[in-house]
Amino acid sequence: MAALTAAPHRSFQPGTPSRVPEELVGFVPAGARWVRSDAFDRDMTGGRYPGAFFLDPGTDTVYFDTTDPRVSAGSGP
């Protein structure tokens, strides 16, 4: 986590998830100090779908909010 957030080309800044689903609230560390980076988001999604990745370096926690529009084989009609 320290190496990811220290990379100068990613320019991590403070940011907070807009809404955490009720099912995940219990997994979010109390007092988390989230950071995020548009460049890191693009690296993770490859620019193929929307996504935001929030990192808390103090607890090595990652929270991601993404929507991958690809339908995986056997997942639906």
C-alpha atoms as a PDB file:
ATOM      1  CA  MET A   1       0.000   0.000   0.000  1.00  0.00           C
ATOM      2  CA  ALA A   2       2.815   2.411   0.843  1.00  0.00           C
ATOM      3  CA  ALA A   3       4.476   1.863  -2.535  1.00  0.00           C
ATOM      4  CA  LEU A   4       1.200   2.394  -4.404  1.00  0.00           C
ATOM      5  CA  THR A   5       0.317   5.628  -2.658  1.00  0.00           C
ATOM      6  CA  ALA A   6       3.885   6.981  -2.808  1.00  0.00           C
ATOM      7  CA  ALA A   7       4.097   6.774  -6.610  1.00  0.00           C
ATOM      8  CA  PRO A   8       4.286  10.432  -7.700  1.00  0.00           C
ATOM      9  CA  HIS A   9       2.704   9.827 -11.125  1.00  0.00           C
ATOM     10  CA  ARG A  10      -0.524   8.667  -9.462  1.00  0.00           C
ATOM     11  CA  SER A  11      -1.021  11.764  -7.300  1.00  0.00           C
ATOM     12  CA  PHE A  12      -3.203  10.242  -4.566  1.00  0.00           C
ATOM     13  CA  GLN A  13      -5.429  12.760  -2.808  1.00  0.00           C
ATOM     14  CA  PRO A  14      -7.900  12.497   0.091  1.00  0.00           C
ATOM     15  CA  GLY A  15     -11.254  11.131  -1.030  1.00  0.00           C
ATOM     16  CA  THR A  16     -14.187   9.375   0.586  1.00  0.00           C
ATOM     17  CA  PRO A  17     -16.529   6.754  -0.890  1.00  0.00           C
ATOM     18  CA  SER A  18     -19.899   8.391  -1.586  1.00  0.00           C
ATOM     19  CA  ARG A  19     -21.952   5.501  -0.251  1.00  0.00           C
ATOM     20  CA  VAL A  20     -20.984   2.168   1.194  1.00  0.00           C
ATOM     21  CA  PRO A  21     -23.574  -0.602   0.837  1.00  0.00           C
ATOM     22  CA  GLU A  22     -25.058  -1.694   4.159  1.00  0.00           C
ATOM     23  CA  GLU A  23     -23.611  -5.190   3.658  1.00  0.00           C
ATOM     24  CA  LEU A  24     -20.071  -3.758   3.656  1.00  0.00           C
ATOM     25  CA  VAL A  25     -20.289  -1.135   6.407  1.00  0.00           C
ATOM     26  CA  GLY A  26     -18.975  -3.569   9.021  1.00  0.00           C
ATOM     27  CA  PHE A  27     -15.793  -4.114   7.000  1.00  0.00           C
ATOM     28  CA  VAL A  28     -14.896  -0.422   6.729  1.00  0.00           C
ATOM     29  CA  PRO A  29     -12.278   0.508   9.350  1.00  0.00           C
ATOM     30  CA  ALA A  30     -13.358   3.157  11.853  1.00  0.00           C
ATOM     31  CA  GLY A  31     -11.511   6.402  11.215  1.00  0.00           C
ATOM     32  CA  ALA A  32     -10.272   5.351   7.780  1.00  0.00           C
ATOM     33  CA  ARG A  33      -8.269   8.033   5.988  1.00  0.00           C
ATOM     34  CA  TRP A  34      -9.120   7.269   2.391  1.00  0.00           C
ATOM     35  CA  VAL A  35      -7.081   8.442  -0.574  1.00  0.00           C
ATOM     36  CA  ARG A  36      -7.747   7.958  -4.275  1.00  0.00           C
ATOM     37  CA  SER A  37      -6.206   8.750  -7.637  1.00  0.00           C
ATOM     38  CA  ASP A  38      -7.786   9.206 -11.064  1.00  0.00           C
ATOM     39  CA  ALA A  39      -4.618   7.733 -12.613  1.00  0.00           C
ATOM     40  CA  PHE A  40      -4.825   4.640 -10.379  1.00  0.00           C
ATOM     41  CA  ASP A  41      -8.527   4.250 -11.247  1.00  0.00           C
ATOM     42  CA  ARG A  42      -7.655   4.274 -14.972  1.00  0.00           C
ATOM     43  CA  ASP A  43      -4.834   1.777 -14.401  1.00  0.00           C
ATOM     44  CA  MET A  44      -7.178  -0.616 -12.606  1.00  0.00           C
ATOM     45  CA  THR A  45     -10.082  -0.413 -15.070  1.00  0.00           C
ATOM     46  CA  GLY A  46      -8.012  -0.006 -18.207  1.00  0.00           C
ATOM     47  CA  GLY A  47     -10.489   2.748 -19.090  1.00  0.00           C
ATOM     48  CA  ARG A  48     -13.068   0.068 -20.013  1.00  0.00           C
ATOM     49  CA  TYR A  49     -15.603   0.768 -17.256  1.00  0.00           C
ATOM     50  CA  PRO A  50     -16.225   3.264 -14.460  1.00  0.00           C
ATOM     51  CA  GLY A  51     -14.513   2.658 -11.171  1.00  0.00           C
ATOM     52  CA  ALA A  52     -13.139   4.378  -8.103  1.00  0.00           C
ATOM     53  CA  PHE A  53     -10.573   2.770  -5.793  1.00  0.00           C
ATOM     54  CA  PHE A  54     -10.144   4.102  -2.268  1.00  0.00           C
ATOM     55  CA  LEU A  55      -7.112   3.116  -0.201  1.00  0.00           C
ATOM     56  CA  ASP A  56      -6.502   3.545   3.526  1.00  0.00           C
ATOM     57  CA  PRO A  57      -2.727   3.234   3.988  1.00  0.00           C
ATOM     58  CA  GLY A  58      -3.071   3.138   7.777  1.00  0.00           C
ATOM     59  CA  THR A  59      -4.979  -0.149   7.727  1.00  0.00           C
ATOM     60  CA  ASP A  60      -3.961  -1.489   4.294  1.00  0.00           C
ATOM     61  CA  THR A  61      -7.631  -1.513   3.310  1.00  0.00           C
ATOM     62  CA  VAL A  62      -8.922  -1.108  -0.233  1.00  0.00           C
ATOM     63  CA  TYR A  63     -12.524  -0.223  -1.041  1.00  0.00           C
ATOM     64  CA  PHE A  64     -13.533  -0.275  -4.681  1.00  0.00           C
ATOM     65  CA  ASP A  65     -16.709   0.902  -6.345  1.00  0.00           C
ATOM     66  CA  THR A  66     -16.828  -0.393  -9.904  1.00  0.00           C
ATOM     67  CA  THR A  67     -19.189  -1.562 -12.576  1.00  0.00           C
ATOM     68  CA  ASP A  68     -17.776  -3.913 -15.162  1.00  0.00           C
ATOM     69  CA  PRO A  69     -20.292  -3.968 -18.037  1.00  0.00           C
ATOM     70  CA  ARG A  70     -18.998  -7.224 -19.497  1.00  0.00           C
ATOM     71  CA  VAL A  71     -21.278 -10.217 -19.039  1.00  0.00           C
ATOM     72  CA  SER A  72     -19.365 -13.290 -18.009  1.00  0.00           C
ATOM     73  CA  ALA A  73     -20.164 -16.599 -19.656  1.00  0.00           C
ATOM     74  CA  GLY A  74     -22.953 -18.477 -17.918  1.00  0.00           C
ATOM     75  CA  SER A  75     -24.022 -15.552 -15.755  1.00  0.00           C
ATOM     76  CA  GLY A  76     -27.334 -14.838 -17.398  1.00  0.00           C
ATOM     77  CA  PRO A  77     -29.776 -15.455 -20.205  1.00  0.00           C
END
